N, C-alpha and C. Protein backbone atom coordinates (compact mmCIF):
# COMPACT_ATOMS: atom_id res chain seq x y z
N MET A 1 34.87 -3.20 32.88
CA MET A 1 34.21 -4.01 31.87
C MET A 1 32.72 -4.11 32.20
N PRO A 2 31.83 -3.90 31.21
CA PRO A 2 30.41 -3.94 31.49
C PRO A 2 29.95 -5.35 31.85
N ARG A 3 28.94 -5.37 32.64
CA ARG A 3 28.37 -6.67 33.03
C ARG A 3 27.62 -7.27 31.85
N PRO A 4 27.71 -8.59 31.65
CA PRO A 4 27.03 -9.23 30.52
C PRO A 4 25.53 -8.97 30.50
N SER A 5 24.88 -8.93 31.67
CA SER A 5 23.43 -8.71 31.69
C SER A 5 23.10 -7.30 31.22
N LEU A 6 23.97 -6.32 31.52
CA LEU A 6 23.75 -4.95 31.09
C LEU A 6 23.93 -4.84 29.57
N VAL A 7 24.92 -5.52 29.04
CA VAL A 7 25.17 -5.51 27.59
C VAL A 7 23.98 -6.16 26.87
N LEU A 8 23.50 -7.29 27.39
CA LEU A 8 22.36 -7.96 26.78
C LEU A 8 21.10 -7.09 26.85
N ALA A 9 20.92 -6.41 27.95
CA ALA A 9 19.76 -5.52 28.08
C ALA A 9 19.82 -4.38 27.07
N CYS A 10 21.00 -3.82 26.85
CA CYS A 10 21.17 -2.75 25.87
C CYS A 10 20.91 -3.26 24.46
N LEU A 11 21.44 -4.44 24.14
CA LEU A 11 21.20 -5.02 22.82
C LEU A 11 19.73 -5.32 22.59
N LEU A 12 19.07 -5.83 23.60
CA LEU A 12 17.64 -6.12 23.50
C LEU A 12 16.86 -4.83 23.27
N ALA A 13 17.22 -3.77 23.98
CA ALA A 13 16.53 -2.48 23.81
C ALA A 13 16.71 -1.96 22.40
N VAL A 14 17.91 -2.07 21.87
CA VAL A 14 18.17 -1.61 20.50
C VAL A 14 17.37 -2.43 19.51
N CYS A 15 17.33 -3.74 19.69
CA CYS A 15 16.59 -4.61 18.78
C CYS A 15 15.10 -4.34 18.83
N LEU A 16 14.58 -4.03 20.01
CA LEU A 16 13.15 -3.76 20.14
C LEU A 16 12.78 -2.40 19.56
N LEU A 17 13.68 -1.45 19.60
CA LEU A 17 13.38 -0.11 19.09
C LEU A 17 13.62 0.01 17.60
N ALA A 18 14.57 -0.70 17.06
CA ALA A 18 14.94 -0.55 15.65
C ALA A 18 13.90 -1.07 14.66
N PRO A 19 13.29 -2.24 14.84
CA PRO A 19 12.37 -2.75 13.82
C PRO A 19 11.22 -1.81 13.44
N PRO A 20 10.56 -1.11 14.39
CA PRO A 20 9.50 -0.22 13.94
C PRO A 20 10.00 0.89 13.02
N LEU A 21 11.18 1.40 13.27
CA LEU A 21 11.70 2.46 12.42
C LEU A 21 12.03 1.93 11.04
N VAL A 22 12.65 0.77 10.97
CA VAL A 22 13.00 0.17 9.70
C VAL A 22 11.76 -0.40 9.03
N GLY A 23 10.89 -1.02 9.80
CA GLY A 23 9.70 -1.66 9.25
C GLY A 23 8.76 -0.72 8.56
N ALA A 24 8.60 0.50 9.05
CA ALA A 24 7.66 1.44 8.45
C ALA A 24 8.10 1.82 7.05
N SER A 25 9.37 2.13 6.88
CA SER A 25 9.82 2.51 5.54
C SER A 25 9.88 1.30 4.62
N ALA A 26 10.22 0.14 5.16
CA ALA A 26 10.29 -1.06 4.34
C ALA A 26 8.90 -1.44 3.84
N ALA A 27 7.85 -1.27 4.69
CA ALA A 27 6.49 -1.59 4.27
C ALA A 27 6.06 -0.70 3.12
N THR A 28 6.36 0.56 3.21
CA THR A 28 6.01 1.48 2.13
C THR A 28 6.75 1.08 0.86
N ASP A 29 8.02 0.85 0.96
CA ASP A 29 8.80 0.45 -0.21
C ASP A 29 8.28 -0.85 -0.80
N LEU A 30 7.91 -1.80 0.03
CA LEU A 30 7.42 -3.08 -0.45
C LEU A 30 6.08 -2.90 -1.17
N ARG A 31 5.20 -2.09 -0.61
CA ARG A 31 3.91 -1.86 -1.27
C ARG A 31 4.12 -1.24 -2.64
N ILE A 32 5.07 -0.34 -2.74
CA ILE A 32 5.36 0.29 -4.02
C ILE A 32 5.96 -0.73 -4.97
N GLN A 33 6.90 -1.54 -4.49
CA GLN A 33 7.56 -2.53 -5.33
C GLN A 33 6.59 -3.58 -5.86
N LEU A 34 5.63 -3.98 -5.05
CA LEU A 34 4.71 -5.05 -5.43
C LEU A 34 3.54 -4.56 -6.29
N ASN A 35 3.39 -3.27 -6.44
CA ASN A 35 2.27 -2.71 -7.17
C ASN A 35 2.80 -1.78 -8.26
N PRO A 36 2.96 -2.29 -9.47
CA PRO A 36 3.58 -1.52 -10.54
C PRO A 36 2.93 -0.16 -10.81
N VAL A 37 1.60 -0.08 -10.75
CA VAL A 37 0.98 1.23 -11.03
C VAL A 37 1.31 2.23 -9.93
N LEU A 38 1.43 1.76 -8.70
CA LEU A 38 1.83 2.66 -7.62
C LEU A 38 3.29 3.07 -7.77
N ALA A 39 4.12 2.15 -8.22
CA ALA A 39 5.53 2.47 -8.44
C ALA A 39 5.67 3.54 -9.52
N GLU A 40 4.91 3.39 -10.58
CA GLU A 40 4.96 4.37 -11.66
C GLU A 40 4.46 5.73 -11.17
N LEU A 41 3.37 5.72 -10.41
CA LEU A 41 2.85 6.97 -9.86
C LEU A 41 3.85 7.57 -8.88
N HIS A 42 4.49 6.73 -8.07
CA HIS A 42 5.45 7.21 -7.08
C HIS A 42 6.62 7.92 -7.74
N GLU A 43 7.04 7.44 -8.90
CA GLU A 43 8.13 8.11 -9.63
C GLU A 43 7.72 9.50 -10.07
N LYS A 44 6.45 9.66 -10.45
CA LYS A 44 5.96 10.94 -10.96
C LYS A 44 5.51 11.88 -9.85
N ASP A 45 4.84 11.31 -8.84
CA ASP A 45 4.25 12.14 -7.79
C ASP A 45 4.20 11.33 -6.48
N PRO A 46 5.29 11.34 -5.69
CA PRO A 46 5.33 10.55 -4.46
C PRO A 46 4.21 10.89 -3.46
N ALA A 47 3.83 12.15 -3.39
CA ALA A 47 2.77 12.54 -2.46
C ALA A 47 1.43 11.93 -2.87
N LYS A 48 1.13 11.95 -4.15
CA LYS A 48 -0.12 11.37 -4.64
C LYS A 48 -0.10 9.86 -4.41
N ALA A 49 1.04 9.22 -4.66
CA ALA A 49 1.15 7.77 -4.43
C ALA A 49 0.92 7.44 -2.96
N ALA A 50 1.45 8.26 -2.07
CA ALA A 50 1.24 8.03 -0.63
C ALA A 50 -0.23 8.19 -0.27
N ALA A 51 -0.89 9.18 -0.85
CA ALA A 51 -2.32 9.40 -0.57
C ALA A 51 -3.16 8.22 -1.06
N VAL A 52 -2.84 7.71 -2.24
CA VAL A 52 -3.57 6.56 -2.78
C VAL A 52 -3.32 5.33 -1.91
N MET A 53 -2.07 5.10 -1.50
CA MET A 53 -1.77 3.95 -0.64
C MET A 53 -2.52 4.07 0.69
N ASP A 54 -2.59 5.26 1.24
CA ASP A 54 -3.33 5.46 2.49
C ASP A 54 -4.81 5.12 2.30
N GLU A 55 -5.39 5.57 1.21
CA GLU A 55 -6.80 5.29 0.94
C GLU A 55 -7.02 3.80 0.72
N LEU A 56 -6.14 3.14 -0.02
CA LEU A 56 -6.28 1.70 -0.22
C LEU A 56 -6.14 0.95 1.10
N THR A 57 -5.26 1.41 1.96
CA THR A 57 -5.11 0.78 3.27
C THR A 57 -6.39 0.94 4.09
N ARG A 58 -7.01 2.12 4.02
CA ARG A 58 -8.28 2.33 4.74
C ARG A 58 -9.36 1.39 4.20
N ILE A 59 -9.38 1.17 2.90
CA ILE A 59 -10.36 0.25 2.31
C ILE A 59 -10.12 -1.16 2.85
N ILE A 60 -8.86 -1.60 2.81
CA ILE A 60 -8.52 -2.96 3.22
C ILE A 60 -8.78 -3.17 4.71
N GLU A 61 -8.51 -2.17 5.51
CA GLU A 61 -8.72 -2.30 6.96
C GLU A 61 -10.18 -2.10 7.35
N GLY A 62 -11.04 -1.83 6.38
CA GLY A 62 -12.46 -1.71 6.66
C GLY A 62 -12.89 -0.38 7.23
N GLU A 63 -12.09 0.64 7.06
CA GLU A 63 -12.45 1.95 7.60
C GLU A 63 -13.47 2.66 6.73
N ARG A 64 -13.65 2.21 5.51
CA ARG A 64 -14.69 2.76 4.63
C ARG A 64 -15.85 1.79 4.65
N SER A 65 -17.06 2.31 4.66
CA SER A 65 -18.21 1.42 4.62
C SER A 65 -18.51 1.05 3.17
N PRO A 66 -18.39 -0.23 2.85
CA PRO A 66 -18.62 -0.62 1.46
C PRO A 66 -20.08 -0.44 1.07
N GLU A 67 -20.26 0.12 -0.10
CA GLU A 67 -21.60 0.25 -0.67
C GLU A 67 -21.82 -0.95 -1.58
N PRO A 68 -23.05 -1.34 -1.76
CA PRO A 68 -23.28 -2.44 -2.70
C PRO A 68 -22.75 -2.05 -4.08
N ALA A 69 -21.93 -2.89 -4.65
CA ALA A 69 -21.34 -2.59 -5.95
C ALA A 69 -21.09 -3.88 -6.70
N THR A 70 -21.10 -3.78 -7.98
CA THR A 70 -20.81 -4.94 -8.81
C THR A 70 -19.31 -5.15 -8.88
N ARG A 71 -18.90 -6.36 -9.10
CA ARG A 71 -17.48 -6.65 -9.24
C ARG A 71 -17.06 -6.70 -10.71
N ALA A 72 -17.98 -6.43 -11.60
CA ALA A 72 -17.66 -6.46 -13.03
C ALA A 72 -16.95 -5.16 -13.43
N ILE A 73 -15.92 -5.33 -14.25
CA ILE A 73 -15.21 -4.17 -14.79
C ILE A 73 -15.34 -4.26 -16.31
N GLU A 74 -15.93 -3.25 -16.90
CA GLU A 74 -16.14 -3.27 -18.34
C GLU A 74 -14.86 -2.91 -19.10
N ASN A 75 -14.02 -2.07 -18.54
CA ASN A 75 -12.81 -1.62 -19.21
C ASN A 75 -11.71 -2.66 -19.02
N PRO A 76 -11.25 -3.32 -20.09
CA PRO A 76 -10.21 -4.36 -19.94
C PRO A 76 -8.88 -3.81 -19.42
N GLU A 77 -8.58 -2.55 -19.72
CA GLU A 77 -7.33 -1.95 -19.21
C GLU A 77 -7.39 -1.81 -17.69
N GLU A 78 -8.54 -1.38 -17.17
CA GLU A 78 -8.69 -1.27 -15.72
C GLU A 78 -8.61 -2.64 -15.08
N ARG A 79 -9.23 -3.63 -15.70
CA ARG A 79 -9.20 -4.99 -15.18
C ARG A 79 -7.75 -5.49 -15.09
N ALA A 80 -6.97 -5.23 -16.14
CA ALA A 80 -5.57 -5.67 -16.17
C ALA A 80 -4.75 -4.96 -15.09
N LEU A 81 -5.01 -3.68 -14.88
CA LEU A 81 -4.26 -2.94 -13.86
C LEU A 81 -4.58 -3.44 -12.46
N ILE A 82 -5.82 -3.77 -12.21
CA ILE A 82 -6.18 -4.30 -10.89
C ILE A 82 -5.53 -5.66 -10.69
N ARG A 83 -5.59 -6.52 -11.69
CA ARG A 83 -5.02 -7.87 -11.55
C ARG A 83 -3.52 -7.86 -11.38
N GLY A 84 -2.84 -6.85 -11.86
CA GLY A 84 -1.38 -6.83 -11.76
C GLY A 84 -0.84 -6.13 -10.53
N ASN A 85 -1.72 -5.75 -9.61
CA ASN A 85 -1.31 -4.98 -8.44
C ASN A 85 -1.98 -5.52 -7.17
N PRO A 86 -1.24 -6.25 -6.36
CA PRO A 86 -1.83 -6.93 -5.20
C PRO A 86 -2.60 -6.01 -4.24
N LEU A 87 -2.12 -4.80 -4.02
CA LEU A 87 -2.81 -3.89 -3.11
C LEU A 87 -4.18 -3.52 -3.68
N LEU A 88 -4.25 -3.25 -4.96
CA LEU A 88 -5.53 -2.96 -5.60
C LEU A 88 -6.43 -4.20 -5.61
N GLU A 89 -5.84 -5.37 -5.83
CA GLU A 89 -6.65 -6.60 -5.82
C GLU A 89 -7.31 -6.82 -4.46
N GLU A 90 -6.55 -6.60 -3.41
CA GLU A 90 -7.10 -6.78 -2.05
C GLU A 90 -8.20 -5.77 -1.79
N ALA A 91 -7.96 -4.52 -2.17
CA ALA A 91 -8.99 -3.48 -1.99
C ALA A 91 -10.22 -3.83 -2.83
N TRP A 92 -10.02 -4.38 -4.03
CA TRP A 92 -11.12 -4.76 -4.92
C TRP A 92 -11.99 -5.83 -4.27
N ARG A 93 -11.37 -6.79 -3.61
CA ARG A 93 -12.15 -7.85 -2.95
C ARG A 93 -13.02 -7.29 -1.85
N ILE A 94 -12.55 -6.23 -1.20
CA ILE A 94 -13.28 -5.66 -0.07
C ILE A 94 -14.32 -4.64 -0.52
N ASP A 95 -13.92 -3.74 -1.40
CA ASP A 95 -14.82 -2.66 -1.84
C ASP A 95 -14.49 -2.31 -3.29
N PRO A 96 -15.13 -2.99 -4.24
CA PRO A 96 -14.79 -2.79 -5.65
C PRO A 96 -14.93 -1.34 -6.12
N LYS A 97 -15.97 -0.69 -5.70
CA LYS A 97 -16.20 0.69 -6.15
C LYS A 97 -15.08 1.61 -5.68
N ALA A 98 -14.71 1.52 -4.43
CA ALA A 98 -13.65 2.37 -3.88
C ALA A 98 -12.30 2.05 -4.52
N ALA A 99 -12.04 0.78 -4.77
CA ALA A 99 -10.77 0.39 -5.41
C ALA A 99 -10.71 0.94 -6.83
N LEU A 100 -11.82 0.88 -7.54
CA LEU A 100 -11.85 1.41 -8.90
C LEU A 100 -11.65 2.93 -8.89
N GLU A 101 -12.23 3.60 -7.89
CA GLU A 101 -12.01 5.05 -7.76
C GLU A 101 -10.52 5.35 -7.58
N GLN A 102 -9.85 4.56 -6.74
CA GLN A 102 -8.43 4.79 -6.51
C GLN A 102 -7.61 4.47 -7.75
N LEU A 103 -7.98 3.43 -8.48
CA LEU A 103 -7.29 3.10 -9.72
C LEU A 103 -7.42 4.26 -10.70
N ARG A 104 -8.59 4.82 -10.79
CA ARG A 104 -8.81 5.95 -11.70
C ARG A 104 -8.01 7.18 -11.25
N GLU A 105 -7.85 7.35 -9.93
CA GLU A 105 -7.00 8.43 -9.41
C GLU A 105 -5.55 8.22 -9.87
N ILE A 106 -5.09 6.98 -9.79
CA ILE A 106 -3.71 6.65 -10.19
C ILE A 106 -3.51 6.97 -11.67
N VAL A 107 -4.45 6.51 -12.49
CA VAL A 107 -4.34 6.71 -13.94
C VAL A 107 -4.40 8.22 -14.26
N ALA A 108 -5.31 8.94 -13.61
CA ALA A 108 -5.42 10.39 -13.85
C ALA A 108 -4.16 11.13 -13.46
N ALA A 109 -3.44 10.61 -12.47
CA ALA A 109 -2.20 11.26 -12.01
C ALA A 109 -0.99 10.81 -12.81
N GLY A 110 -1.19 9.93 -13.78
CA GLY A 110 -0.08 9.54 -14.65
C GLY A 110 0.46 8.15 -14.42
N GLY A 111 -0.11 7.38 -13.52
CA GLY A 111 0.34 6.01 -13.30
C GLY A 111 -0.43 5.04 -14.18
N GLY A 112 0.10 3.86 -14.36
CA GLY A 112 -0.59 2.81 -15.11
C GLY A 112 -0.62 3.01 -16.61
N SER A 113 0.30 3.77 -17.13
CA SER A 113 0.27 4.02 -18.59
C SER A 113 0.90 2.88 -19.37
């Protein structure tokens, strides 16, 4: 019969190793679920959706240097798409120009219709 400390150590090791594997896919799925335009794009072109999510993540994490830009959006459809998608909203707060570029990429690829 295994020693209780050995069993606990094995369980702890499994618990410590499993969350990163599950967490990575869950984070991607959650970002898609919470952002309707990304979900729509993901259905049509998963690779493009992944590229857009990566770029939005770089914007949010500050890996892109923000250029001075206005926060005004003249196109009401673009404004509505940004407001309905938390990932785009966060990127918009950090770098409006880059977020708008990514939104236009999504729309050009067939998302946000």
